[in-house]
Amino acid sequence: MQQRCIFGHVSAEHAHDRVLEAMGKRPLLNLGMRLAEGSGAALAAVLAKTPLHLHKHMARFGSAGVSDKC
């Protein structure tokens, strides 16, 4: 199951980084926060969704009026 997990943020709490290291995982963010309110997760969710959004909404050469002629 953990092969499919994206770890969004590592907490500044003592054991969190060691747990991720033991699983061989790296988080998307390390902001040094320990607020326990999900701030890191909320930021990481946007970071994880952004490439898909860009891919889905990016204009193609034809629709953008780009010619392949030099």
N, C-alpha and C. Protein backbone atom coordinates (compact mmCIF):
# COMPACT_ATOMS: atom_id res chain seq x y z
N MET A 1 0.82 -1.20 0.00
CA MET A 1 0.00 0.00 0.00
C MET A 1 0.86 1.26 0.00
N GLN A 2 1.96 1.26 0.74
CA GLN A 2 2.75 2.48 0.84
C GLN A 2 3.43 2.84 -0.48
N GLN A 3 3.48 1.91 -1.47
CA GLN A 3 4.05 2.25 -2.77
C GLN A 3 3.20 3.30 -3.47
N ARG A 4 1.93 3.39 -3.11
CA ARG A 4 1.01 4.32 -3.75
C ARG A 4 0.82 5.61 -2.96
N CYS A 5 1.47 5.73 -1.84
CA CYS A 5 1.29 6.89 -0.97
C CYS A 5 2.22 8.02 -1.34
N ILE A 6 1.69 9.22 -1.28
CA ILE A 6 2.50 10.43 -1.39
C ILE A 6 2.54 11.03 0.00
N PHE A 7 3.72 11.21 0.52
CA PHE A 7 3.86 11.79 1.84
C PHE A 7 4.06 13.29 1.67
N GLY A 8 3.07 14.04 2.10
CA GLY A 8 3.02 15.46 1.83
C GLY A 8 3.98 16.31 2.62
N HIS A 9 4.16 15.99 3.88
CA HIS A 9 4.94 16.86 4.74
C HIS A 9 5.54 16.05 5.86
N VAL A 10 6.73 16.42 6.26
CA VAL A 10 7.34 15.80 7.43
C VAL A 10 7.25 16.80 8.58
N SER A 11 6.79 16.32 9.68
CA SER A 11 6.63 17.16 10.87
C SER A 11 7.97 17.40 11.53
N ALA A 12 8.05 18.44 12.30
CA ALA A 12 9.26 18.71 13.08
C ALA A 12 9.31 17.85 14.34
N GLU A 13 8.26 17.07 14.58
CA GLU A 13 8.26 16.15 15.73
C GLU A 13 9.38 15.13 15.55
N HIS A 14 9.91 14.65 16.67
CA HIS A 14 11.13 13.85 16.67
C HIS A 14 11.11 12.62 15.77
N ALA A 15 10.08 11.83 15.81
CA ALA A 15 10.12 10.53 15.13
C ALA A 15 9.60 10.54 13.70
N HIS A 16 8.96 11.60 13.28
CA HIS A 16 8.31 11.59 11.97
C HIS A 16 9.30 11.36 10.83
N ASP A 17 10.41 12.07 10.85
CA ASP A 17 11.40 11.89 9.78
C ASP A 17 12.00 10.49 9.81
N ARG A 18 12.17 9.92 11.00
CA ARG A 18 12.72 8.57 11.12
C ARG A 18 11.76 7.52 10.57
N VAL A 19 10.47 7.73 10.78
CA VAL A 19 9.47 6.80 10.24
C VAL A 19 9.50 6.82 8.72
N LEU A 20 9.51 8.01 8.14
CA LEU A 20 9.57 8.11 6.68
C LEU A 20 10.85 7.49 6.14
N GLU A 21 11.95 7.72 6.80
CA GLU A 21 13.23 7.15 6.38
C GLU A 21 13.18 5.62 6.43
N ALA A 22 12.58 5.07 7.48
CA ALA A 22 12.48 3.61 7.62
C ALA A 22 11.63 3.02 6.49
N MET A 23 10.66 3.78 6.00
CA MET A 23 9.82 3.32 4.89
C MET A 23 10.45 3.62 3.54
N GLY A 24 11.57 4.32 3.55
CA GLY A 24 12.22 4.68 2.29
C GLY A 24 11.47 5.74 1.51
N LYS A 25 10.79 6.63 2.22
CA LYS A 25 9.97 7.66 1.58
C LYS A 25 10.51 9.05 1.88
N ARG A 26 10.28 9.95 0.93
CA ARG A 26 10.61 11.36 1.12
C ARG A 26 9.34 12.18 0.98
N PRO A 27 9.15 13.15 1.85
CA PRO A 27 7.94 13.98 1.74
C PRO A 27 8.10 15.02 0.64
N LEU A 28 6.97 15.53 0.16
CA LEU A 28 7.02 16.61 -0.81
C LEU A 28 7.55 17.89 -0.17
N LEU A 29 7.19 18.11 1.08
CA LEU A 29 7.56 19.35 1.77
C LEU A 29 8.20 19.06 3.13
N ASN A 30 9.11 19.92 3.51
CA ASN A 30 9.67 19.90 4.86
C ASN A 30 9.77 21.35 5.30
N LEU A 31 8.72 21.82 5.94
CA LEU A 31 8.64 23.23 6.32
C LEU A 31 8.95 23.47 7.79
N GLY A 32 9.31 22.39 8.49
CA GLY A 32 9.64 22.54 9.91
C GLY A 32 8.46 22.87 10.79
N MET A 33 7.25 22.59 10.32
CA MET A 33 6.05 22.92 11.10
C MET A 33 5.68 21.75 12.00
N ARG A 34 5.08 22.05 13.12
CA ARG A 34 4.54 21.02 14.00
C ARG A 34 3.20 21.47 14.56
N LEU A 35 2.42 22.10 13.73
CA LEU A 35 1.17 22.70 14.18
C LEU A 35 0.04 21.70 14.35
N ALA A 36 0.15 20.52 13.73
CA ALA A 36 -0.85 19.46 13.83
C ALA A 36 -2.24 19.89 13.37
N GLU A 37 -2.28 20.83 12.44
CA GLU A 37 -3.57 21.29 11.93
C GLU A 37 -3.75 20.95 10.46
N GLY A 38 -2.79 20.26 9.89
CA GLY A 38 -2.90 19.86 8.50
C GLY A 38 -2.39 20.88 7.50
N SER A 39 -1.68 21.89 7.94
CA SER A 39 -1.18 22.92 7.02
C SER A 39 -0.26 22.33 5.96
N GLY A 40 0.66 21.48 6.38
CA GLY A 40 1.57 20.85 5.42
C GLY A 40 0.83 19.97 4.44
N ALA A 41 -0.17 19.23 4.91
CA ALA A 41 -0.95 18.36 4.03
C ALA A 41 -1.75 19.17 3.02
N ALA A 42 -2.31 20.28 3.45
CA ALA A 42 -3.09 21.13 2.55
C ALA A 42 -2.20 21.70 1.45
N LEU A 43 -1.02 22.15 1.81
CA LEU A 43 -0.08 22.68 0.81
C LEU A 43 0.39 21.58 -0.13
N ALA A 44 0.68 20.41 0.40
CA ALA A 44 1.16 19.29 -0.42
C ALA A 44 0.07 18.81 -1.38
N ALA A 45 -1.20 18.86 -0.96
CA ALA A 45 -2.28 18.44 -1.85
C ALA A 45 -2.33 19.33 -3.09
N VAL A 46 -2.18 20.61 -2.92
CA VAL A 46 -2.15 21.53 -4.06
C VAL A 46 -0.94 21.24 -4.92
N LEU A 47 0.20 21.01 -4.30
CA LEU A 47 1.43 20.71 -5.03
C LEU A 47 1.28 19.43 -5.85
N ALA A 48 0.63 18.42 -5.29
CA ALA A 48 0.44 17.16 -5.99
C ALA A 48 -0.57 17.28 -7.14
N LYS A 49 -1.57 18.12 -7.01
CA LYS A 49 -2.61 18.27 -8.03
C LYS A 49 -2.20 19.20 -9.18
N THR A 50 -1.27 20.09 -8.95
CA THR A 50 -0.92 21.10 -9.94
C THR A 50 -0.41 20.53 -11.26
N PRO A 51 0.50 19.55 -11.28
CA PRO A 51 0.95 19.02 -12.59
C PRO A 51 -0.18 18.43 -13.42
N LEU A 52 -1.11 17.72 -12.78
CA LEU A 52 -2.24 17.16 -13.51
C LEU A 52 -3.13 18.27 -14.08
N HIS A 53 -3.37 19.29 -13.29
CA HIS A 53 -4.18 20.42 -13.76
C HIS A 53 -3.52 21.08 -14.97
N LEU A 54 -2.22 21.31 -14.88
CA LEU A 54 -1.51 21.93 -16.00
C LEU A 54 -1.57 21.05 -17.25
N HIS A 55 -1.39 19.76 -17.07
CA HIS A 55 -1.42 18.85 -18.21
C HIS A 55 -2.80 18.83 -18.87
N LYS A 56 -3.84 18.80 -18.06
CA LYS A 56 -5.20 18.73 -18.59
C LYS A 56 -5.63 20.03 -19.28
N HIS A 57 -5.10 21.16 -18.86
CA HIS A 57 -5.57 22.44 -19.37
C HIS A 57 -4.56 23.17 -20.25
N MET A 58 -3.47 22.52 -20.56
CA MET A 58 -2.45 23.15 -21.39
C MET A 58 -2.93 23.19 -22.85
N ALA A 59 -2.73 24.30 -23.50
CA ALA A 59 -3.12 24.43 -24.91
C ALA A 59 -2.20 23.57 -25.78
N ARG A 60 -2.76 23.00 -26.81
CA ARG A 60 -1.98 22.26 -27.80
C ARG A 60 -1.47 23.27 -28.83
N PHE A 61 -0.48 22.87 -29.61
CA PHE A 61 0.07 23.79 -30.62
C PHE A 61 -1.01 24.32 -31.54
N GLY A 62 -1.88 23.45 -32.03
CA GLY A 62 -2.92 23.87 -32.95
C GLY A 62 -3.88 24.88 -32.35
N SER A 63 -4.34 24.61 -31.12
CA SER A 63 -5.30 25.51 -30.50
C SER A 63 -4.66 26.81 -30.04
N ALA A 64 -3.34 26.78 -29.86
CA ALA A 64 -2.63 28.00 -29.44
C ALA A 64 -2.15 28.81 -30.64
N GLY A 65 -2.37 28.27 -31.85
CA GLY A 65 -1.95 28.98 -33.05
C GLY A 65 -0.46 28.94 -33.30
N VAL A 66 0.21 27.90 -32.80
CA VAL A 66 1.65 27.76 -32.99
C VAL A 66 1.89 26.92 -34.25
N SER A 67 2.72 27.42 -35.11
CA SER A 67 3.04 26.72 -36.35
C SER A 67 4.31 25.91 -36.17
N ASP A 68 4.40 24.78 -36.85
CA ASP A 68 5.63 23.99 -36.79
C ASP A 68 6.61 24.41 -37.87
N LYS A 69 6.30 25.46 -38.62
CA LYS A 69 7.19 25.96 -39.66
C LYS A 69 8.17 26.96 -39.05
N CYS A 70 9.40 26.85 -39.45
CA CYS A 70 10.43 27.76 -38.94
C CYS A 70 10.56 28.98 -39.78
